[in-house]
Amino acid sequence: MTRVFLPGLELARLFHTEAVAPILNTALDGVPYSAALIGWGSEVQGFDTARSTDHAWGPRMQVFLSSDGFRAHGDELGALLDRELPETFRGYPVRFPFPDDAPARHWVDVKDLQGFFIEHLGEDPAAGLSVSGWLTTPTQVLRELTGGAVFHDGLDLLDSYRNDLTWYPDDVWRYVLACQWMRLSQEEPFVGRCGEVGDDLGSAVVAARQVRDLMKLCLLMNRVYPPYSKWLGTAFAELPCAETLTPLLSAALAARSWQERERHLSPAYELAAGMHNDLGLTEPLETKARYFHTRPFLVMDGYRFTDTLMATINDPQVRSLPPVGAIDQFVDSTDVTQFANRRKRYITGPVLATLHLDK
């Protein structure tokens, strides 16, 4: 019999209500806890499908305790859950391996709330993230911490933590936008220049990079953290601008000559420039594509948006940073930008060095 797919967030919500909460309420006897499904997993992003169930799938969630509560009850509670949780729930195994060669176990993870967020961010968000905390936390990780769902917040902290991480502070947002425009500006003329010397493959690669950076720029302008590559197109498709931009970006990727790529990229740049003006963060800028100096390549000169945005930043620490950006804007390793382990982010770079992140 074919099992009807149940989205992971709904599965977790039911699992908490029907299976986990009764155990916790008896075992903790008034000790406050919070429960949620956040962190890794396509279901946290709402992007899961029936395909997602082929590995590492079943009802799962986190149970958060205070630091004192975790020290007092964490190990005991994990063992109790292992004894009392059912074998299956709504047709899905409660205990499953991840990775596939690991022993099967239940995935109701008991966590220290403060420790969980410090592990992901390198800082306690209760006091507000520093500039370095914002810029060294990958957007995928920020999506994981603010996505998913909270089922119970007895600690009265989890919702607050997540709300504080919903979006960048204004000056950091302006800086990240400025750096995204700089990324576009740096390679705008290369689509044509590569093609002009007969390097059509190189031209196509540059065009694909520009498409990706335009998609990320649009997400950032819409105050949406860009996900890592697997879900970038899915998240972009949910934006209001996607209906207009997707045909242009798709055509640029399918083009067979640099001239054809340019014909589709140029109006895409112009639309993005108009979106910038609509934000009202700076004075309006010219949105018409123009030639790159005396060369026959149409560009937007994205650095104009960089310079204008940087001039609007009030925080002197942020304003003094080089236009390199947050970690995702100059690091392209999935191990760094997808996973939560902050130790993988100790990388030398202009922004990291400026912010003295080794301290």
Protein backbone atom coordinates (compact mmCIF):
# COMPACT_ATOMS: atom_id res chain seq x y z
CA MET A 1 0.00 0.00 0.00
CA THR A 2 1.35 3.40 -0.98
CA ARG A 3 1.81 5.73 1.98
CA VAL A 4 0.39 9.23 1.58
CA PHE A 5 3.14 11.83 1.96
CA LEU A 6 2.83 13.95 5.10
CA PRO A 7 5.02 17.10 5.09
CA GLY A 8 7.70 16.92 7.75
CA LEU A 9 6.62 19.98 9.72
CA GLU A 10 3.07 18.67 10.07
CA LEU A 11 4.43 15.23 10.98
CA ALA A 12 6.61 16.80 13.68
CA ARG A 13 3.75 18.93 15.02
CA LEU A 14 1.51 15.89 15.40
CA PHE A 15 4.36 13.88 16.89
CA HIS A 16 4.90 16.53 19.56
CA THR A 17 1.21 16.78 20.43
CA GLU A 18 0.40 13.08 20.46
CA ALA A 19 3.62 11.33 21.46
CA VAL A 20 6.30 13.61 22.88
CA ALA A 21 4.43 16.19 24.97
CA PRO A 22 2.68 13.58 27.18
CA ILE A 23 6.06 12.03 28.06
CA LEU A 24 7.66 15.42 28.75
CA ASN A 25 4.80 16.72 30.85
CA THR A 26 5.00 13.71 33.15
CA ALA A 27 8.78 13.44 33.28
CA LEU A 28 9.59 17.12 33.73
CA ASP A 29 6.76 17.77 36.18
CA GLY A 30 6.65 21.53 35.72
CA VAL A 31 10.23 22.10 34.53
CA PRO A 32 9.81 24.46 31.56
CA TYR A 33 10.83 23.34 28.11
CA SER A 34 10.45 24.48 24.52
CA ALA A 35 9.90 22.22 21.51
CA ALA A 36 10.45 22.90 17.83
CA LEU A 37 11.70 21.57 14.55
CA ILE A 38 14.43 23.90 13.34
CA GLY A 39 17.94 23.43 11.93
CA TRP A 40 18.87 21.07 9.13
CA GLY A 41 16.44 19.37 6.77
CA SER A 42 14.34 20.20 3.73
CA GLU A 43 11.18 20.02 5.84
CA VAL A 44 12.42 22.94 7.96
CA GLN A 45 12.42 25.05 4.80
CA GLY A 46 9.05 23.70 3.67
CA PHE A 47 10.73 22.25 0.58
CA ASP A 48 10.29 18.55 1.38
CA THR A 49 8.55 16.18 -1.03
CA ALA A 50 7.89 12.46 -1.13
CA ARG A 51 11.48 12.08 -2.41
CA SER A 52 12.74 13.44 0.92
CA THR A 53 11.44 10.34 2.71
CA ASP A 54 13.95 7.98 1.06
CA HIS A 55 16.59 8.55 3.76
CA ALA A 56 17.00 10.20 7.19
CA TRP A 57 13.25 10.62 7.44
CA GLY A 58 10.75 10.25 10.19
CA PRO A 59 9.17 12.28 12.99
CA ARG A 60 11.84 14.39 14.65
CA MET A 61 12.22 17.57 16.69
CA GLN A 62 14.28 19.34 19.33
CA VAL A 63 13.37 19.66 22.99
CA PHE A 64 15.10 22.66 24.54
CA LEU A 65 15.85 23.10 28.23
CA SER A 66 17.55 25.92 30.11
CA SER A 67 21.26 25.35 30.77
CA ASP A 68 20.50 24.32 34.35
CA GLY A 69 17.59 22.15 33.23
CA PHE A 70 19.75 20.46 30.62
CA ARG A 71 22.46 19.64 33.13
CA ALA A 72 19.87 18.25 35.54
CA HIS A 73 17.63 16.35 33.14
CA GLY A 74 19.22 16.09 29.67
CA ASP A 75 20.72 12.59 29.76
CA GLU A 76 17.87 11.11 31.75
CA LEU A 77 15.25 12.62 29.46
CA GLY A 78 16.94 11.32 26.31
CA ALA A 79 17.02 7.80 27.74
CA LEU A 80 13.39 8.04 28.86
CA LEU A 81 12.28 9.09 25.40
CA ASP A 82 14.16 6.16 23.91
CA ARG A 83 12.27 3.77 26.20
CA GLU A 84 8.81 5.27 25.80
CA LEU A 85 8.55 6.56 22.25
CA PRO A 86 6.63 4.25 19.87
CA GLU A 87 8.32 2.30 17.12
CA THR A 88 6.36 4.09 14.40
CA PHE A 89 4.23 7.19 14.09
CA ARG A 90 1.75 7.81 11.26
CA GLY A 91 3.42 5.02 9.34
CA TYR A 92 6.98 6.40 9.65
CA PRO A 93 9.75 4.85 11.78
CA VAL A 94 10.53 6.82 14.92
CA ARG A 95 14.08 5.42 15.01
CA PHE A 96 16.16 5.70 11.86
CA PRO A 97 19.85 6.04 10.92
CA PHE A 98 21.56 9.21 9.70
CA PRO A 99 23.88 8.83 7.94
CA ASP A 100 22.69 5.55 6.49
CA ASP A 101 25.50 3.47 8.03
CA ALA A 102 24.93 4.85 11.54
CA PRO A 103 22.90 3.02 14.21
CA ALA A 104 19.19 3.82 14.17
CA ARG A 105 18.00 6.09 16.98
CA HIS A 106 15.13 8.38 17.83
CA TRP A 107 15.46 12.00 16.76
CA VAL A 108 13.89 13.89 19.62
CA ASP A 109 17.10 15.71 20.46
CA VAL A 110 17.29 17.20 23.95
CA LYS A 111 19.31 20.42 23.81
CA ASP A 112 20.51 23.30 25.95
CA LEU A 113 18.71 26.21 24.25
CA GLN A 114 21.45 28.75 24.78
CA GLY A 115 24.15 26.25 23.83
CA PHE A 116 22.30 25.26 20.64
CA PHE A 117 22.22 28.83 19.36
CA ILE A 118 25.79 29.56 20.41
CA GLU A 119 26.90 26.42 18.54
CA HIS A 120 25.27 27.73 15.37
CA LEU A 121 26.12 31.41 15.71
CA GLY A 122 29.26 31.57 17.81
CA GLU A 123 27.47 34.05 20.07
CA ASP A 124 24.47 34.19 22.38
CA PRO A 125 21.73 35.99 20.42
CA ALA A 126 20.03 37.10 23.64
CA ALA A 127 22.32 40.14 23.77
CA GLY A 128 22.03 40.79 20.02
CA LEU A 129 24.53 39.53 17.46
CA SER A 130 27.65 41.55 16.84
CA VAL A 131 28.50 42.71 13.32
CA SER A 132 30.97 39.84 13.08
CA GLY A 133 28.29 37.40 14.25
CA TRP A 134 25.94 38.49 11.47
CA LEU A 135 28.59 38.46 8.76
CA THR A 136 30.11 35.08 9.62
CA THR A 137 26.82 33.22 9.94
CA PRO A 138 25.87 31.69 6.57
CA THR A 139 22.45 32.63 5.27
CA GLN A 140 21.58 28.92 5.08
CA VAL A 141 22.17 28.68 8.84
CA LEU A 142 20.06 31.79 9.46
CA ARG A 143 17.29 30.17 7.40
CA GLU A 144 17.58 27.01 9.50
CA LEU A 145 17.31 28.89 12.78
CA THR A 146 14.37 31.05 11.67
CA GLY A 147 12.56 28.41 9.59
CA GLY A 148 10.62 25.39 10.75
CA ALA A 149 8.11 25.76 13.56
CA VAL A 150 7.91 26.14 17.33
CA PHE A 151 5.38 23.80 18.95
CA HIS A 152 5.77 24.97 22.55
CA ASP A 153 7.85 27.73 24.14
CA GLY A 154 7.68 27.14 27.85
CA LEU A 155 11.11 28.75 28.27
CA ASP A 156 9.71 31.93 26.74
CA LEU A 157 12.99 32.43 24.87
CA LEU A 158 12.89 30.42 21.65
CA ASP A 159 10.45 32.68 19.82
CA SER A 160 12.43 35.71 20.98
CA TYR A 161 15.72 34.26 19.71
CA ARG A 162 14.15 33.50 16.35
CA ASN A 163 12.47 36.89 16.03
CA ASP A 164 15.79 38.64 16.66
CA LEU A 165 17.34 36.65 13.81
CA THR A 166 14.53 37.25 11.32
CA TRP A 167 16.58 39.73 9.31
CA TYR A 168 19.82 41.69 9.33
CA PRO A 169 20.08 45.01 11.17
CA ASP A 170 19.57 47.84 8.70
CA ASP A 171 23.23 48.83 8.30
CA VAL A 172 24.32 45.20 7.87
CA TRP A 173 21.57 44.70 5.26
CA ARG A 174 22.76 47.73 3.31
CA TYR A 175 26.32 46.44 3.46
CA VAL A 176 25.37 42.95 2.24
CA LEU A 177 23.32 44.47 -0.61
CA ALA A 178 26.23 46.71 -1.55
CA CYS A 179 28.56 43.71 -1.70
CA GLN A 180 26.12 41.70 -3.82
CA TRP A 181 26.01 44.54 -6.35
CA MET A 182 29.81 44.55 -6.33
CA ARG A 183 29.88 40.84 -7.17
CA LEU A 184 27.70 41.53 -10.20
CA SER A 185 29.75 44.54 -11.23
CA GLN A 186 33.03 42.64 -11.20
CA GLU A 187 32.02 40.20 -13.96
CA GLU A 188 29.37 42.09 -15.96
CA PRO A 189 31.56 42.72 -19.04
CA PHE A 190 33.13 39.25 -19.05
CA VAL A 191 30.13 37.59 -20.71
CA GLY A 192 30.94 39.57 -23.84
CA ARG A 193 34.69 39.67 -23.48
CA CYS A 194 35.00 35.88 -23.19
CA GLY A 195 32.72 35.40 -26.17
CA GLU A 196 34.60 37.97 -28.26
CA VAL A 197 37.83 35.95 -28.03
CA GLY A 198 36.04 32.72 -28.92
CA ASP A 199 35.68 31.37 -25.38
CA ASP A 200 31.98 30.57 -25.51
CA LEU A 201 32.25 28.10 -22.63
CA GLY A 202 33.84 30.78 -20.46
CA SER A 203 31.12 33.23 -21.47
CA ALA A 204 28.44 30.72 -20.48
CA VAL A 205 30.09 30.08 -17.12
CA VAL A 206 30.24 33.81 -16.36
CA ALA A 207 26.61 34.21 -17.42
CA ALA A 208 25.59 31.41 -15.05
CA ARG A 209 27.47 33.09 -12.22
CA GLN A 210 25.69 36.37 -12.97
CA VAL A 211 22.32 34.62 -12.97
CA ARG A 212 23.07 33.07 -9.60
CA ASP A 213 24.17 36.40 -8.15
CA LEU A 214 21.11 38.18 -9.52
CA MET A 215 18.88 35.58 -7.89
CA LYS A 216 20.66 36.07 -4.57
CA LEU A 217 20.44 39.85 -4.93
CA CYS A 218 16.68 39.63 -5.47
CA LEU A 219 16.29 37.42 -2.39
CA LEU A 220 18.31 39.88 -0.31
CA MET A 221 16.30 42.82 -1.60
CA ASN A 222 13.14 40.97 -0.57
CA ARG A 223 14.56 40.31 2.90
CA VAL A 224 14.83 36.57 2.32
CA TYR A 225 17.99 34.71 3.34
CA PRO A 226 19.33 32.91 0.25
CA PRO A 227 19.54 29.14 0.78
CA TYR A 228 22.42 27.02 -0.41
CA SER A 229 22.47 25.86 -4.03
CA LYS A 230 19.99 22.94 -3.83
CA TRP A 231 17.13 25.25 -2.85
CA LEU A 232 18.20 28.55 -4.45
CA GLY A 233 15.87 28.26 -7.44
CA THR A 234 12.99 27.03 -5.28
CA ALA A 235 13.31 29.99 -2.91
CA PHE A 236 13.73 32.45 -5.81
CA ALA A 237 10.57 31.13 -7.48
CA GLU A 238 8.55 32.29 -4.46
CA LEU A 239 9.55 35.95 -4.94
CA PRO A 240 7.13 38.44 -6.55
CA CYS A 241 9.76 39.30 -9.19
CA ALA A 242 10.30 35.68 -10.26
CA GLU A 243 7.48 35.67 -12.80
CA THR A 244 9.18 38.43 -14.79
CA LEU A 245 12.81 37.54 -14.20
CA THR A 246 12.73 33.76 -14.59
CA PRO A 247 12.17 33.79 -18.38
CA LEU A 248 15.08 36.21 -18.82
CA LEU A 249 17.45 34.28 -16.58
CA SER A 250 16.47 30.94 -18.12
CA ALA A 251 17.00 32.32 -21.62
CA ALA A 252 20.43 33.68 -20.64
CA LEU A 253 21.43 30.21 -19.44
CA ALA A 254 20.10 28.53 -22.61
CA ALA A 255 21.70 31.03 -25.00
CA ARG A 256 24.28 29.85 -27.52
CA SER A 257 26.21 33.09 -28.04
CA TRP A 258 27.44 35.95 -25.88
CA GLN A 259 25.22 38.41 -27.76
CA GLU A 260 22.14 36.35 -26.95
CA ARG A 261 23.17 36.05 -23.31
CA GLU A 262 23.60 39.81 -23.13
CA ARG A 263 20.16 40.39 -24.68
CA HIS A 264 18.57 38.56 -21.76
CA LEU A 265 20.90 39.62 -18.95
CA SER A 266 20.65 43.35 -19.70
CA PRO A 267 16.89 43.65 -19.03
CA ALA A 268 17.36 41.43 -15.96
CA TYR A 269 19.94 43.89 -14.63
CA GLU A 270 17.55 46.75 -15.37
CA LEU A 271 14.72 45.08 -13.48
CA ALA A 272 16.98 44.49 -10.48
CA ALA A 273 18.07 48.14 -10.60
CA GLY A 274 14.43 49.21 -10.58
CA MET A 275 13.82 46.97 -7.56
CA HIS A 276 16.68 48.70 -5.79
CA ASN A 277 15.13 52.10 -6.44
CA ASP A 278 11.78 50.86 -5.17
CA LEU A 279 13.38 50.02 -1.81
CA GLY A 280 14.09 53.70 -1.20
CA LEU A 281 17.37 52.97 0.57
CA THR A 282 19.27 55.48 -1.59
CA GLU A 283 18.45 58.21 -4.03
CA PRO A 284 17.17 56.74 -7.34
CA LEU A 285 19.90 55.56 -9.69
CA GLU A 286 19.83 55.26 -13.48
CA THR A 287 18.48 51.83 -14.41
CA LYS A 288 19.33 51.70 -18.12
CA ALA A 289 22.12 49.36 -19.21
CA ARG A 290 25.05 51.14 -20.80
CA TYR A 291 28.25 50.22 -22.66
CA PHE A 292 31.33 49.25 -20.69
CA HIS A 293 33.60 52.23 -21.34
CA THR A 294 34.27 52.16 -25.10
CA ARG A 295 33.73 48.41 -25.43
CA PRO A 296 30.61 46.95 -27.03
CA PHE A 297 29.39 45.12 -23.89
CA LEU A 298 26.24 46.20 -22.08
CA VAL A 299 26.52 46.46 -18.30
CA MET A 300 24.70 48.00 -15.36
CA ASP A 301 27.88 49.23 -13.63
CA GLY A 302 26.71 47.65 -10.41
CA TYR A 303 29.44 49.39 -8.42
CA ARG A 304 27.27 52.54 -8.57
CA PHE A 305 24.78 50.81 -6.30
CA THR A 306 27.62 49.61 -4.06
CA ASP A 307 29.04 53.10 -3.59
CA THR A 308 25.64 54.67 -2.99
CA LEU A 309 24.55 52.04 -0.48
CA MET A 310 27.84 52.21 1.43
CA ALA A 311 27.41 55.98 1.76
CA THR A 312 24.08 55.47 3.59
CA ILE A 313 25.53 53.22 6.34
CA ASN A 314 25.64 54.92 9.74
CA ASP A 315 27.63 52.38 11.77
CA PRO A 316 31.32 53.34 11.31
CA GLN A 317 32.45 49.75 11.84
CA VAL A 318 30.25 48.50 9.01
CA ARG A 319 30.95 51.49 6.75
CA SER A 320 34.72 50.91 7.06
CA LEU A 321 34.55 47.29 5.84
CA PRO A 322 35.82 46.44 2.36
CA PRO A 323 32.98 45.62 -0.08
CA VAL A 324 33.57 41.88 0.16
CA GLY A 325 30.50 40.95 2.16
CA ALA A 326 29.15 38.26 4.44
CA ILE A 327 30.75 34.84 4.45
CA ASP A 328 28.49 33.45 1.70
CA GLN A 329 29.60 36.24 -0.62
CA PHE A 330 33.27 35.30 -0.64
CA VAL A 331 33.29 31.63 0.38
CA ASP A 332 31.80 28.98 -1.89
CA SER A 333 32.40 25.79 0.11
CA THR A 334 29.21 23.98 1.06
CA ASP A 335 30.95 22.59 4.17
CA VAL A 336 31.36 26.17 5.35
CA THR A 337 28.15 27.78 4.18
CA GLN A 338 25.65 24.96 4.79
CA PHE A 339 26.59 23.33 8.03
CA ALA A 340 26.20 24.83 11.47
CA ASN A 341 29.57 23.95 12.98
CA ARG A 342 31.16 27.35 13.37
CA ARG A 343 34.69 25.97 13.66
CA LYS A 344 34.61 25.45 9.90
CA ARG A 345 34.25 29.20 9.42
CA TYR A 346 37.68 30.22 10.71
CA ILE A 347 38.88 31.42 7.34
CA THR A 348 41.24 34.27 6.57
CA GLY A 349 39.55 36.97 4.53
CA PRO A 350 39.35 40.75 4.35
CA VAL A 351 36.16 41.09 6.37
CA LEU A 352 37.12 38.44 8.90
CA ALA A 353 40.53 40.03 9.43
CA THR A 354 38.99 43.48 9.78
CA LEU A 355 36.58 42.28 12.45
CA HIS A 356 39.31 40.36 14.36
CA LEU A 357 37.23 37.21 14.47
CA ASP A 358 40.11 35.13 15.81
CA LYS A 359 39.64 36.78 19.22
